[in-house]
Amino acid sequence: MRIGQNIMFKLSINLICVAFLNFPFYHNLIFAETPIKESSNKFVYLGSYSDMKYTEEHQYGFEVDLWKMGNTLFGHFLHSEGLIGDTPTGLLENIKYFPETRELSFEAKLTMGIHYCKDHKGVPSRDKYEFKGRIKGKELIGTLTERDGLHDNEIIKIQKIKLIRDQEKEELLSNIKTLEKWKNYSNMILKHRGPKW
């Protein structure tokens, strides 16, 4: 059983993004990608893809934010199933992207809430997601597999998802134009709402 921990309003993302762009980088952040030379490649924001649905107080759905530098992709995976704000966020890991076919796959770790079962009495959940699909125009389409990291990566759900470019989110994140700024932003986002494992 999970108890969602989202507690802030949707508009809080505006304040978070502005504050994080200039926040000092925490050097303990571990990135999944192979080190690359900043000077030889341009850092590009590829966009945000989302199927988030909102009610007066709640939001539900997924989001993928992507950046690119050379042949390397960076980004975040977000999943919400409760109150608006503080959406659980994970770093995209083991990313594979094929420009010719626009096929994309990645993994991400989240903590969606507090987990209770006969073996665990109120511990942070270990939610693992695996995506395989492709970018098609303004859509990111594919299969998302959710696993339970507290129970031998047992499959919880497999579902087809279709995420659409989110122009409102892109207006905020398009200001992140260098790898250094992205690291600052990413490290603070993950410290605040990243996985607890």
N, C-alpha and C. Protein backbone atom coordinates (compact mmCIF):
# COMPACT_ATOMS: atom_id res chain seq x y z
N MET A 1 0.85 -1.18 0.00
CA MET A 1 0.00 0.00 0.00
C MET A 1 0.89 1.23 0.00
N ARG A 2 0.51 2.26 -0.76
CA ARG A 2 1.31 3.47 -0.83
C ARG A 2 0.49 4.67 -0.40
N ILE A 3 1.14 5.59 0.27
CA ILE A 3 0.50 6.85 0.64
C ILE A 3 1.24 7.96 -0.09
N GLY A 4 0.59 8.60 -1.09
CA GLY A 4 1.26 9.64 -1.87
C GLY A 4 1.72 10.79 -0.99
N GLN A 5 2.83 11.39 -1.39
CA GLN A 5 3.41 12.45 -0.58
C GLN A 5 3.41 13.80 -1.28
N ASN A 6 2.61 13.92 -2.39
CA ASN A 6 2.54 15.21 -3.07
C ASN A 6 1.80 16.22 -2.20
N ILE A 7 2.41 17.38 -1.93
CA ILE A 7 1.79 18.33 -1.00
C ILE A 7 1.74 19.76 -1.51
N MET A 8 2.31 20.05 -2.68
CA MET A 8 2.36 21.44 -3.13
C MET A 8 1.46 21.65 -4.32
N PHE A 9 1.21 22.94 -4.67
CA PHE A 9 0.37 23.26 -5.80
C PHE A 9 1.15 23.18 -7.10
N LYS A 10 0.42 23.05 -8.22
CA LYS A 10 1.03 22.95 -9.54
C LYS A 10 1.93 24.14 -9.84
N LEU A 11 1.53 25.33 -9.41
CA LEU A 11 2.30 26.53 -9.72
C LEU A 11 3.65 26.57 -9.04
N SER A 12 3.88 25.69 -8.08
CA SER A 12 5.17 25.70 -7.38
C SER A 12 6.32 25.37 -8.30
N ILE A 13 6.05 24.71 -9.44
CA ILE A 13 7.13 24.36 -10.37
C ILE A 13 7.81 25.61 -10.90
N ASN A 14 7.05 26.71 -11.05
CA ASN A 14 7.65 27.96 -11.52
C ASN A 14 8.73 28.43 -10.58
N LEU A 15 8.45 28.43 -9.28
CA LEU A 15 9.43 28.88 -8.29
C LEU A 15 10.59 27.91 -8.19
N ILE A 16 10.31 26.62 -8.29
CA ILE A 16 11.37 25.62 -8.19
C ILE A 16 12.36 25.78 -9.33
N CYS A 17 11.85 25.92 -10.56
CA CYS A 17 12.73 26.01 -11.71
C CYS A 17 13.62 27.24 -11.64
N VAL A 18 13.05 28.40 -11.27
CA VAL A 18 13.83 29.62 -11.18
C VAL A 18 14.93 29.48 -10.14
N ALA A 19 14.60 28.90 -8.99
CA ALA A 19 15.57 28.78 -7.91
C ALA A 19 16.68 27.80 -8.25
N PHE A 20 16.34 26.70 -8.93
CA PHE A 20 17.30 25.64 -9.16
C PHE A 20 18.32 25.99 -10.23
N LEU A 21 17.98 26.88 -11.16
CA LEU A 21 18.90 27.15 -12.25
C LEU A 21 20.21 27.73 -11.76
N ASN A 22 20.21 28.41 -10.61
CA ASN A 22 21.43 29.03 -10.11
C ASN A 22 21.92 28.40 -8.81
N PHE A 23 21.39 27.23 -8.46
CA PHE A 23 21.78 26.60 -7.21
C PHE A 23 23.10 25.86 -7.39
N PRO A 24 24.05 25.92 -6.44
CA PRO A 24 25.34 25.24 -6.57
C PRO A 24 25.15 23.75 -6.81
N PHE A 25 26.02 23.20 -7.63
CA PHE A 25 25.94 21.78 -7.99
C PHE A 25 26.43 20.89 -6.86
N TYR A 26 25.65 19.87 -6.54
CA TYR A 26 26.04 18.89 -5.52
C TYR A 26 26.82 17.78 -6.21
N HIS A 27 28.09 17.64 -5.87
CA HIS A 27 28.97 16.74 -6.59
C HIS A 27 28.70 15.27 -6.32
N ASN A 28 27.81 14.95 -5.41
CA ASN A 28 27.54 13.54 -5.13
C ASN A 28 26.52 12.94 -6.07
N LEU A 29 25.99 13.74 -7.02
CA LEU A 29 25.03 13.20 -7.97
C LEU A 29 25.73 12.28 -8.95
N ILE A 30 25.19 11.09 -9.15
CA ILE A 30 25.78 10.12 -10.06
C ILE A 30 24.93 10.08 -11.32
N PHE A 31 25.55 10.33 -12.47
CA PHE A 31 24.84 10.31 -13.75
C PHE A 31 25.06 8.98 -14.44
N ALA A 32 24.05 8.53 -15.14
CA ALA A 32 24.12 7.22 -15.77
C ALA A 32 24.90 7.24 -17.08
N GLU A 33 25.11 8.42 -17.65
CA GLU A 33 25.70 8.50 -18.97
C GLU A 33 27.22 8.52 -18.94
N THR A 34 27.83 8.16 -20.06
CA THR A 34 29.27 8.20 -20.21
C THR A 34 29.73 9.66 -20.26
N PRO A 35 30.82 10.02 -19.55
CA PRO A 35 31.31 11.39 -19.57
C PRO A 35 31.59 11.87 -20.99
N ILE A 36 31.26 13.13 -21.27
CA ILE A 36 31.49 13.69 -22.59
C ILE A 36 32.08 15.09 -22.45
N LYS A 37 32.66 15.60 -23.51
CA LYS A 37 33.29 16.91 -23.49
C LYS A 37 32.27 17.97 -23.85
N GLU A 38 32.06 18.92 -22.93
CA GLU A 38 31.08 19.96 -23.18
C GLU A 38 31.47 20.84 -24.36
N SER A 39 32.75 21.14 -24.50
CA SER A 39 33.21 22.10 -25.49
C SER A 39 32.98 21.62 -26.93
N SER A 40 32.84 20.30 -27.14
CA SER A 40 32.73 19.77 -28.49
C SER A 40 31.29 19.51 -28.92
N ASN A 41 30.34 19.75 -28.05
CA ASN A 41 28.95 19.45 -28.38
C ASN A 41 28.04 20.56 -27.84
N LYS A 42 26.93 20.76 -28.53
CA LYS A 42 25.93 21.72 -28.10
C LYS A 42 24.89 21.04 -27.23
N PHE A 43 24.55 21.67 -26.13
CA PHE A 43 23.56 21.13 -25.21
C PHE A 43 22.17 21.60 -25.68
N VAL A 44 21.28 20.64 -25.93
CA VAL A 44 19.98 20.97 -26.55
C VAL A 44 18.84 20.39 -25.73
N TYR A 45 17.83 21.19 -25.49
CA TYR A 45 16.61 20.73 -24.84
C TYR A 45 15.69 20.14 -25.90
N LEU A 46 15.34 18.86 -25.78
CA LEU A 46 14.53 18.17 -26.77
C LEU A 46 13.04 18.30 -26.54
N GLY A 47 12.66 18.57 -25.28
CA GLY A 47 11.25 18.75 -25.00
C GLY A 47 10.75 17.93 -23.83
N SER A 48 9.50 18.19 -23.46
CA SER A 48 8.82 17.47 -22.38
C SER A 48 7.58 16.80 -22.95
N TYR A 49 7.41 15.54 -22.60
CA TYR A 49 6.28 14.74 -23.08
C TYR A 49 5.45 14.31 -21.87
N SER A 50 4.15 14.50 -21.94
CA SER A 50 3.32 14.29 -20.75
C SER A 50 1.91 13.82 -21.11
N ASP A 51 1.31 13.06 -20.18
CA ASP A 51 -0.12 12.76 -20.29
C ASP A 51 -0.81 13.12 -18.97
N MET A 52 -0.24 14.06 -18.22
CA MET A 52 -0.78 14.45 -16.93
C MET A 52 -2.21 14.96 -17.06
N LYS A 53 -3.06 14.48 -16.15
CA LYS A 53 -4.44 14.94 -16.06
C LYS A 53 -4.63 15.59 -14.69
N TYR A 54 -5.41 16.67 -14.65
CA TYR A 54 -5.57 17.43 -13.42
C TYR A 54 -7.04 17.56 -13.02
N THR A 55 -7.26 17.47 -11.71
CA THR A 55 -8.54 17.86 -11.12
C THR A 55 -8.25 19.10 -10.28
N GLU A 56 -9.18 19.48 -9.44
CA GLU A 56 -8.97 20.68 -8.64
C GLU A 56 -7.78 20.54 -7.70
N GLU A 57 -7.55 19.36 -7.16
CA GLU A 57 -6.48 19.16 -6.17
C GLU A 57 -5.50 18.05 -6.54
N HIS A 58 -5.80 17.26 -7.56
CA HIS A 58 -4.98 16.09 -7.86
C HIS A 58 -4.44 16.10 -9.28
N GLN A 59 -3.40 15.32 -9.49
CA GLN A 59 -2.88 15.12 -10.83
C GLN A 59 -2.47 13.65 -10.99
N TYR A 60 -2.63 13.14 -12.22
CA TYR A 60 -2.35 11.75 -12.50
C TYR A 60 -1.66 11.63 -13.85
N GLY A 61 -0.63 10.81 -13.92
CA GLY A 61 -0.01 10.57 -15.21
C GLY A 61 1.51 10.52 -15.16
N PHE A 62 2.11 10.57 -16.37
CA PHE A 62 3.55 10.45 -16.53
C PHE A 62 4.10 11.64 -17.31
N GLU A 63 5.40 11.85 -17.15
CA GLU A 63 6.07 12.91 -17.89
C GLU A 63 7.52 12.50 -18.10
N VAL A 64 8.07 12.83 -19.28
CA VAL A 64 9.47 12.61 -19.60
C VAL A 64 10.05 13.92 -20.11
N ASP A 65 11.13 14.39 -19.48
CA ASP A 65 11.84 15.60 -19.90
C ASP A 65 13.19 15.18 -20.48
N LEU A 66 13.51 15.67 -21.69
CA LEU A 66 14.71 15.20 -22.38
C LEU A 66 15.62 16.34 -22.82
N TRP A 67 16.93 16.10 -22.64
CA TRP A 67 17.97 16.98 -23.18
C TRP A 67 18.97 16.11 -23.94
N LYS A 68 19.76 16.75 -24.82
CA LYS A 68 20.71 16.01 -25.63
C LYS A 68 22.01 16.79 -25.75
N MET A 69 23.12 16.06 -25.72
CA MET A 69 24.43 16.67 -25.95
C MET A 69 25.26 15.66 -26.74
N GLY A 70 25.57 16.00 -27.98
CA GLY A 70 26.23 15.02 -28.83
C GLY A 70 25.32 13.84 -29.07
N ASN A 71 25.80 12.64 -28.78
CA ASN A 71 25.00 11.44 -28.92
C ASN A 71 24.42 10.97 -27.59
N THR A 72 24.53 11.79 -26.57
CA THR A 72 24.11 11.41 -25.23
C THR A 72 22.83 12.13 -24.83
N LEU A 73 21.86 11.38 -24.29
CA LEU A 73 20.62 11.94 -23.80
C LEU A 73 20.63 11.99 -22.27
N PHE A 74 19.98 13.01 -21.74
CA PHE A 74 19.82 13.20 -20.31
C PHE A 74 18.34 13.46 -20.05
N GLY A 75 17.89 13.24 -18.82
CA GLY A 75 16.52 13.62 -18.55
C GLY A 75 15.95 13.06 -17.27
N HIS A 76 14.64 13.30 -17.11
CA HIS A 76 13.92 12.89 -15.91
C HIS A 76 12.62 12.19 -16.29
N PHE A 77 12.20 11.31 -15.41
CA PHE A 77 10.90 10.64 -15.53
C PHE A 77 10.07 11.01 -14.31
N LEU A 78 8.84 11.45 -14.53
CA LEU A 78 7.95 11.86 -13.45
C LEU A 78 6.67 11.03 -13.49
N HIS A 79 6.17 10.71 -12.30
CA HIS A 79 4.91 9.96 -12.21
C HIS A 79 4.12 10.48 -11.02
N SER A 80 2.87 10.84 -11.27
CA SER A 80 2.02 11.35 -10.20
C SER A 80 0.74 10.55 -10.12
N GLU A 81 0.29 10.28 -8.91
CA GLU A 81 -0.99 9.60 -8.70
C GLU A 81 -1.65 10.10 -7.42
N GLY A 82 -1.55 11.42 -7.18
CA GLY A 82 -2.14 11.98 -5.96
C GLY A 82 -2.26 13.49 -6.02
N LEU A 83 -2.00 14.13 -4.91
CA LEU A 83 -2.15 15.58 -4.81
C LEU A 83 -1.18 16.31 -5.74
N ILE A 84 -1.60 17.48 -6.21
CA ILE A 84 -0.79 18.29 -7.11
C ILE A 84 0.46 18.80 -6.37
N GLY A 85 1.60 18.74 -7.06
CA GLY A 85 2.83 19.28 -6.50
C GLY A 85 3.79 18.22 -6.02
N ASP A 86 5.08 18.57 -5.98
CA ASP A 86 6.14 17.65 -5.53
C ASP A 86 6.05 16.29 -6.22
N THR A 87 5.87 16.28 -7.52
CA THR A 87 5.73 15.04 -8.27
C THR A 87 6.98 14.17 -8.15
N PRO A 88 6.86 12.91 -7.74
CA PRO A 88 8.02 12.02 -7.68
C PRO A 88 8.77 11.99 -9.00
N THR A 89 10.09 12.13 -8.91
CA THR A 89 10.93 12.29 -10.10
C THR A 89 12.15 11.39 -10.01
N GLY A 90 12.54 10.81 -11.14
CA GLY A 90 13.74 9.98 -11.18
C GLY A 90 14.61 10.33 -12.36
N LEU A 91 15.89 10.06 -12.24
CA LEU A 91 16.85 10.27 -13.32
C LEU A 91 16.68 9.19 -14.37
N LEU A 92 16.72 9.56 -15.64
CA LEU A 92 16.71 8.56 -16.70
C LEU A 92 18.06 7.84 -16.70
N GLU A 93 18.00 6.51 -16.65
CA GLU A 93 19.20 5.69 -16.62
C GLU A 93 19.17 4.67 -17.75
N ASN A 94 20.38 4.17 -18.10
CA ASN A 94 20.49 3.16 -19.17
C ASN A 94 19.73 3.59 -20.42
N ILE A 95 19.92 4.83 -20.81
CA ILE A 95 19.21 5.38 -21.97
C ILE A 95 19.82 4.84 -23.27
N LYS A 96 18.92 4.42 -24.16
CA LYS A 96 19.34 4.02 -25.51
C LYS A 96 18.45 4.75 -26.51
N TYR A 97 19.10 5.42 -27.47
CA TYR A 97 18.36 6.19 -28.46
C TYR A 97 18.98 5.97 -29.84
N PHE A 98 18.13 5.69 -30.82
CA PHE A 98 18.57 5.45 -32.19
C PHE A 98 17.96 6.53 -33.08
N PRO A 99 18.75 7.55 -33.47
CA PRO A 99 18.22 8.68 -34.25
C PRO A 99 17.55 8.26 -35.56
N GLU A 100 18.05 7.20 -36.19
CA GLU A 100 17.49 6.80 -37.47
C GLU A 100 16.02 6.39 -37.35
N THR A 101 15.70 5.66 -36.29
CA THR A 101 14.33 5.17 -36.10
C THR A 101 13.59 5.93 -34.99
N ARG A 102 14.35 6.77 -34.25
CA ARG A 102 13.82 7.53 -33.12
C ARG A 102 13.31 6.61 -32.00
N GLU A 103 13.86 5.41 -31.94
CA GLU A 103 13.53 4.49 -30.85
C GLU A 103 14.24 4.93 -29.57
N LEU A 104 13.53 4.84 -28.46
CA LEU A 104 14.05 5.29 -27.17
C LEU A 104 13.70 4.28 -26.09
N SER A 105 14.67 3.98 -25.24
CA SER A 105 14.40 3.15 -24.07
C SER A 105 15.18 3.70 -22.89
N PHE A 106 14.66 3.50 -21.69
CA PHE A 106 15.34 3.96 -20.49
C PHE A 106 14.75 3.27 -19.27
N GLU A 107 15.43 3.45 -18.15
CA GLU A 107 14.94 3.00 -16.85
C GLU A 107 14.93 4.19 -15.90
N ALA A 108 14.13 4.12 -14.85
CA ALA A 108 14.08 5.17 -13.84
C ALA A 108 13.62 4.60 -12.51
N LYS A 109 14.17 5.15 -11.43
CA LYS A 109 13.78 4.74 -10.08
C LYS A 109 13.03 5.89 -9.41
N LEU A 110 11.90 5.57 -8.78
CA LEU A 110 11.12 6.55 -8.05
C LEU A 110 10.76 6.02 -6.67
N THR A 111 10.32 6.93 -5.82
CA THR A 111 9.65 6.55 -4.57
C THR A 111 8.29 7.23 -4.59
N MET A 112 7.24 6.44 -4.79
CA MET A 112 5.91 6.99 -4.94
C MET A 112 5.23 7.25 -3.60
N GLY A 113 5.73 6.65 -2.53
CA GLY A 113 5.11 6.84 -1.23
C GLY A 113 5.67 5.88 -0.21
N ILE A 114 4.88 5.55 0.78
CA ILE A 114 5.29 4.64 1.85
C ILE A 114 4.67 3.26 1.60
N HIS A 115 5.49 2.23 1.73
CA HIS A 115 5.08 0.86 1.41
C HIS A 115 4.83 0.06 2.69
N TYR A 116 3.68 -0.63 2.70
CA TYR A 116 3.32 -1.52 3.80
C TYR A 116 2.99 -2.91 3.25
N CYS A 117 3.50 -3.92 3.89
CA CYS A 117 3.13 -5.30 3.59
C CYS A 117 3.54 -6.15 4.78
N LYS A 118 3.40 -7.46 4.68
CA LYS A 118 3.75 -8.32 5.81
C LYS A 118 5.24 -8.29 6.12
N ASP A 119 6.06 -7.91 5.12
CA ASP A 119 7.52 -7.87 5.32
C ASP A 119 8.06 -6.47 5.57
N HIS A 120 7.28 -5.44 5.23
CA HIS A 120 7.75 -4.07 5.36
C HIS A 120 6.69 -3.23 6.06
N LYS A 121 7.11 -2.56 7.10
CA LYS A 121 6.17 -1.77 7.91
C LYS A 121 6.47 -0.28 7.78
N GLY A 122 6.02 0.31 6.70
CA GLY A 122 6.18 1.74 6.52
C GLY A 122 7.56 2.16 6.07
N VAL A 123 8.00 1.68 4.91
CA VAL A 123 9.30 2.05 4.35
C VAL A 123 9.08 2.75 3.00
N PRO A 124 10.03 3.59 2.57
CA PRO A 124 9.88 4.22 1.25
C PRO A 124 9.78 3.16 0.15
N SER A 125 8.83 3.33 -0.71
CA SER A 125 8.66 2.37 -1.81
C SER A 125 9.84 2.45 -2.78
N ARG A 126 10.08 1.36 -3.46
CA ARG A 126 11.13 1.30 -4.48
C ARG A 126 10.48 0.94 -5.81
N ASP A 127 10.11 1.99 -6.52
CA ASP A 127 9.36 1.82 -7.76
C ASP A 127 10.30 1.96 -8.95
N LYS A 128 10.39 0.92 -9.75
CA LYS A 128 11.28 0.91 -10.91
C LYS A 128 10.46 0.88 -12.18
N TYR A 129 10.84 1.74 -13.15
CA TYR A 129 10.11 1.84 -14.41
C TYR A 129 11.04 1.57 -15.57
N GLU A 130 10.54 0.84 -16.56
CA GLU A 130 11.29 0.54 -17.77
C GLU A 130 10.43 0.93 -18.97
N PHE A 131 10.99 1.78 -19.83
CA PHE A 131 10.23 2.24 -21.00
C PHE A 131 10.93 1.81 -22.28
N LYS A 132 10.12 1.36 -23.25
CA LYS A 132 10.61 1.06 -24.59
C LYS A 132 9.60 1.59 -25.59
N GLY A 133 10.07 2.46 -26.50
CA GLY A 133 9.15 3.03 -27.47
C GLY A 133 9.88 3.89 -28.47
N ARG A 134 9.20 4.92 -28.95
CA ARG A 134 9.82 5.80 -29.94
C ARG A 134 9.19 7.18 -29.89
N ILE A 135 9.95 8.15 -30.38
CA ILE A 135 9.44 9.51 -30.53
C ILE A 135 8.83 9.61 -31.92
N LYS A 136 7.57 9.98 -31.98
CA LYS A 136 6.86 10.08 -33.25
C LYS A 136 6.20 11.44 -33.35
N GLY A 137 6.85 12.35 -34.06
CA GLY A 137 6.34 13.72 -34.14
C GLY A 137 6.37 14.38 -32.77
N LYS A 138 5.21 14.80 -32.32
CA LYS A 138 5.10 15.45 -31.01
C LYS A 138 4.69 14.47 -29.92
N GLU A 139 4.82 13.18 -30.19
CA GLU A 139 4.39 12.16 -29.23
C GLU A 139 5.54 11.22 -28.87
N LEU A 140 5.50 10.74 -27.65
CA LEU A 140 6.40 9.69 -27.18
C LEU A 140 5.51 8.49 -26.86
N ILE A 141 5.63 7.44 -27.65
CA ILE A 141 4.73 6.29 -27.57
C ILE A 141 5.51 5.04 -27.25
N GLY A 142 4.98 4.21 -26.35
CA GLY A 142 5.68 2.97 -26.05
C GLY A 142 5.04 2.18 -24.92
N THR A 143 5.82 1.23 -24.41
CA THR A 143 5.37 0.35 -23.34
C THR A 143 6.14 0.66 -22.06
N LEU A 144 5.40 0.83 -20.97
CA LEU A 144 5.99 1.14 -19.68
C LEU A 144 5.75 -0.03 -18.72
N THR A 145 6.85 -0.55 -18.17
CA THR A 145 6.76 -1.64 -17.20
C THR A 145 7.12 -1.11 -15.82
N GLU A 146 6.27 -1.38 -14.85
CA GLU A 146 6.52 -0.96 -13.46
C GLU A 146 6.87 -2.19 -12.62
N ARG A 147 7.96 -2.08 -11.84
CA ARG A 147 8.40 -3.18 -10.99
C ARG A 147 8.51 -2.72 -9.54
N ASP A 148 8.42 -3.69 -8.63
CA ASP A 148 8.53 -3.44 -7.19
C ASP A 148 9.92 -3.82 -6.73
N GLY A 149 10.76 -2.82 -6.45
CA GLY A 149 12.13 -3.06 -6.03
C GLY A 149 12.27 -3.66 -4.65
N LEU A 150 11.20 -3.65 -3.87
CA LEU A 150 11.23 -4.26 -2.54
C LEU A 150 10.90 -5.75 -2.58
N HIS A 151 10.43 -6.21 -3.72
CA HIS A 151 10.03 -7.61 -3.84
C HIS A 151 10.60 -8.23 -5.12
N ASP A 152 11.93 -8.26 -5.18
CA ASP A 152 12.65 -8.94 -6.27
C ASP A 152 12.24 -8.43 -7.65
N ASN A 153 11.99 -7.13 -7.76
CA ASN A 153 11.61 -6.52 -9.04
C ASN A 153 10.39 -7.19 -9.68
N GLU A 154 9.49 -7.61 -8.84
CA GLU A 154 8.23 -8.20 -9.33
C GLU A 154 7.49 -7.19 -10.21
N ILE A 155 6.97 -7.67 -11.34
CA ILE A 155 6.23 -6.80 -12.24
C ILE A 155 4.87 -6.43 -11.62
N ILE A 156 4.62 -5.14 -11.52
CA ILE A 156 3.35 -4.65 -10.97
C ILE A 156 2.36 -4.36 -12.08
N LYS A 157 2.86 -3.76 -13.16
CA LYS A 157 1.95 -3.37 -14.24
C LYS A 157 2.76 -3.17 -15.53
N ILE A 158 2.15 -3.54 -16.64
CA ILE A 158 2.68 -3.25 -17.97
C ILE A 158 1.59 -2.52 -18.73
N GLN A 159 1.91 -1.36 -19.28
CA GLN A 159 0.88 -0.59 -19.96
C GLN A 159 1.44 0.19 -21.14
N LYS A 160 0.58 0.44 -22.12
CA LYS A 160 0.93 1.30 -23.25
C LYS A 160 0.68 2.75 -22.86
N ILE A 161 1.63 3.62 -23.17
CA ILE A 161 1.44 5.03 -22.86
C ILE A 161 1.71 5.88 -24.10
N LYS A 162 1.05 7.03 -24.15
CA LYS A 162 1.27 8.01 -25.22
C LYS A 162 1.39 9.38 -24.56
N LEU A 163 2.59 9.93 -24.60
CA LEU A 163 2.86 11.22 -24.00
C LEU A 163 2.98 12.27 -25.11
N ILE A 164 2.43 13.44 -24.88
CA ILE A 164 2.38 14.50 -25.88
C ILE A 164 3.21 15.70 -25.42
N ARG A 165 3.86 16.38 -26.37
CA ARG A 165 4.68 17.54 -26.04
C ARG A 165 3.88 18.54 -25.21
N ASP A 166 4.50 18.98 -24.10
CA ASP A 166 3.86 19.89 -23.15
C ASP A 166 4.47 21.27 -23.31
N GLN A 167 3.80 22.16 -24.01
CA GLN A 167 4.35 23.48 -24.30
C GLN A 167 4.52 24.32 -23.05
N GLU A 168 3.61 24.19 -22.10
CA GLU A 168 3.71 24.98 -20.87
C GLU A 168 4.97 24.62 -20.10
N LYS A 169 5.26 23.33 -19.98
CA LYS A 169 6.47 22.88 -19.28
C LYS A 169 7.72 23.28 -20.06
N GLU A 170 7.63 23.22 -21.38
CA GLU A 170 8.79 23.55 -22.20
C GLU A 170 9.20 25.01 -22.07
N GLU A 171 8.24 25.89 -21.84
CA GLU A 171 8.56 27.30 -21.64
C GLU A 171 9.44 27.50 -20.41
N LEU A 172 9.28 26.64 -19.41
CA LEU A 172 10.07 26.74 -18.19
C LEU A 172 11.45 26.09 -18.36
N LEU A 173 11.48 24.91 -18.94
CA LEU A 173 12.73 24.15 -19.00
C LEU A 173 13.63 24.54 -20.15
N SER A 174 13.12 25.26 -21.13
CA SER A 174 13.95 25.66 -22.27
C SER A 174 15.05 26.64 -21.87
N ASN A 175 14.96 27.20 -20.67
CA ASN A 175 16.00 28.12 -20.18
C ASN A 175 17.24 27.39 -19.72
N ILE A 176 17.17 26.08 -19.60
CA ILE A 176 18.34 25.29 -19.20
C ILE A 176 19.10 24.95 -20.48
N LYS A 177 20.16 25.73 -20.75
CA LYS A 177 20.83 25.65 -22.04
C LYS A 177 22.26 25.15 -21.98
N THR A 178 22.73 24.78 -20.77
CA THR A 178 24.07 24.22 -20.65
C THR A 178 24.03 22.98 -19.76
N LEU A 179 25.03 22.12 -19.92
CA LEU A 179 25.09 20.92 -19.10
C LEU A 179 25.25 21.26 -17.63
N GLU A 180 26.01 22.31 -17.34
CA GLU A 180 26.21 22.71 -15.94
C GLU A 180 24.90 23.12 -15.29
N LYS A 181 24.10 23.92 -16.00
CA LYS A 181 22.81 24.34 -15.44
C LYS A 181 21.88 23.14 -15.27
N TRP A 182 21.95 22.21 -16.22
CA TRP A 182 21.11 21.02 -16.09
C TRP A 182 21.50 20.20 -14.86
N LYS A 183 22.78 20.07 -14.61
CA LYS A 183 23.24 19.33 -13.43
C LYS A 183 22.75 20.01 -12.16
N ASN A 184 22.84 21.34 -12.11
CA ASN A 184 22.34 22.08 -10.94
C ASN A 184 20.86 21.80 -10.71
N TYR A 185 20.10 21.94 -11.78
CA TYR A 185 18.65 21.72 -11.72
C TYR A 185 18.32 20.28 -11.34
N SER A 186 18.98 19.33 -12.01
CA SER A 186 18.70 17.92 -11.78
C SER A 186 19.02 17.51 -10.36
N ASN A 187 20.16 17.95 -9.86
CA ASN A 187 20.55 17.54 -8.52
C ASN A 187 19.59 18.04 -7.45
N MET A 188 19.10 19.26 -7.61
CA MET A 188 18.16 19.80 -6.64
C MET A 188 16.78 19.15 -6.76
N ILE A 189 16.34 18.90 -7.98
CA ILE A 189 15.06 18.21 -8.18
C ILE A 189 15.09 16.84 -7.51
N LEU A 190 16.17 16.09 -7.74
CA LEU A 190 16.25 14.74 -7.20
C LEU A 190 16.44 14.74 -5.69
N LYS A 191 17.13 15.74 -5.17
CA LYS A 191 17.27 15.83 -3.71
C LYS A 191 15.92 16.09 -3.07
N HIS A 192 15.10 16.86 -3.73
CA HIS A 192 13.80 17.26 -3.17
C HIS A 192 12.73 16.19 -3.36
N ARG A 193 12.67 15.58 -4.57
CA ARG A 193 11.61 14.62 -4.84
C ARG A 193 12.07 13.35 -5.54
N GLY A 194 13.37 13.07 -5.43
CA GLY A 194 13.91 11.87 -6.06
C GLY A 194 13.70 10.63 -5.22
N PRO A 195 14.14 9.48 -5.73
CA PRO A 195 13.94 8.20 -5.04
C PRO A 195 14.71 8.13 -3.71
N LYS A 196 14.15 7.45 -2.74
CA LYS A 196 14.77 7.29 -1.42
C LYS A 196 15.46 5.93 -1.35
N TRP A 197 16.13 5.58 -2.44
CA TRP A 197 16.85 4.30 -2.48
C TRP A 197 17.91 4.34 -3.57
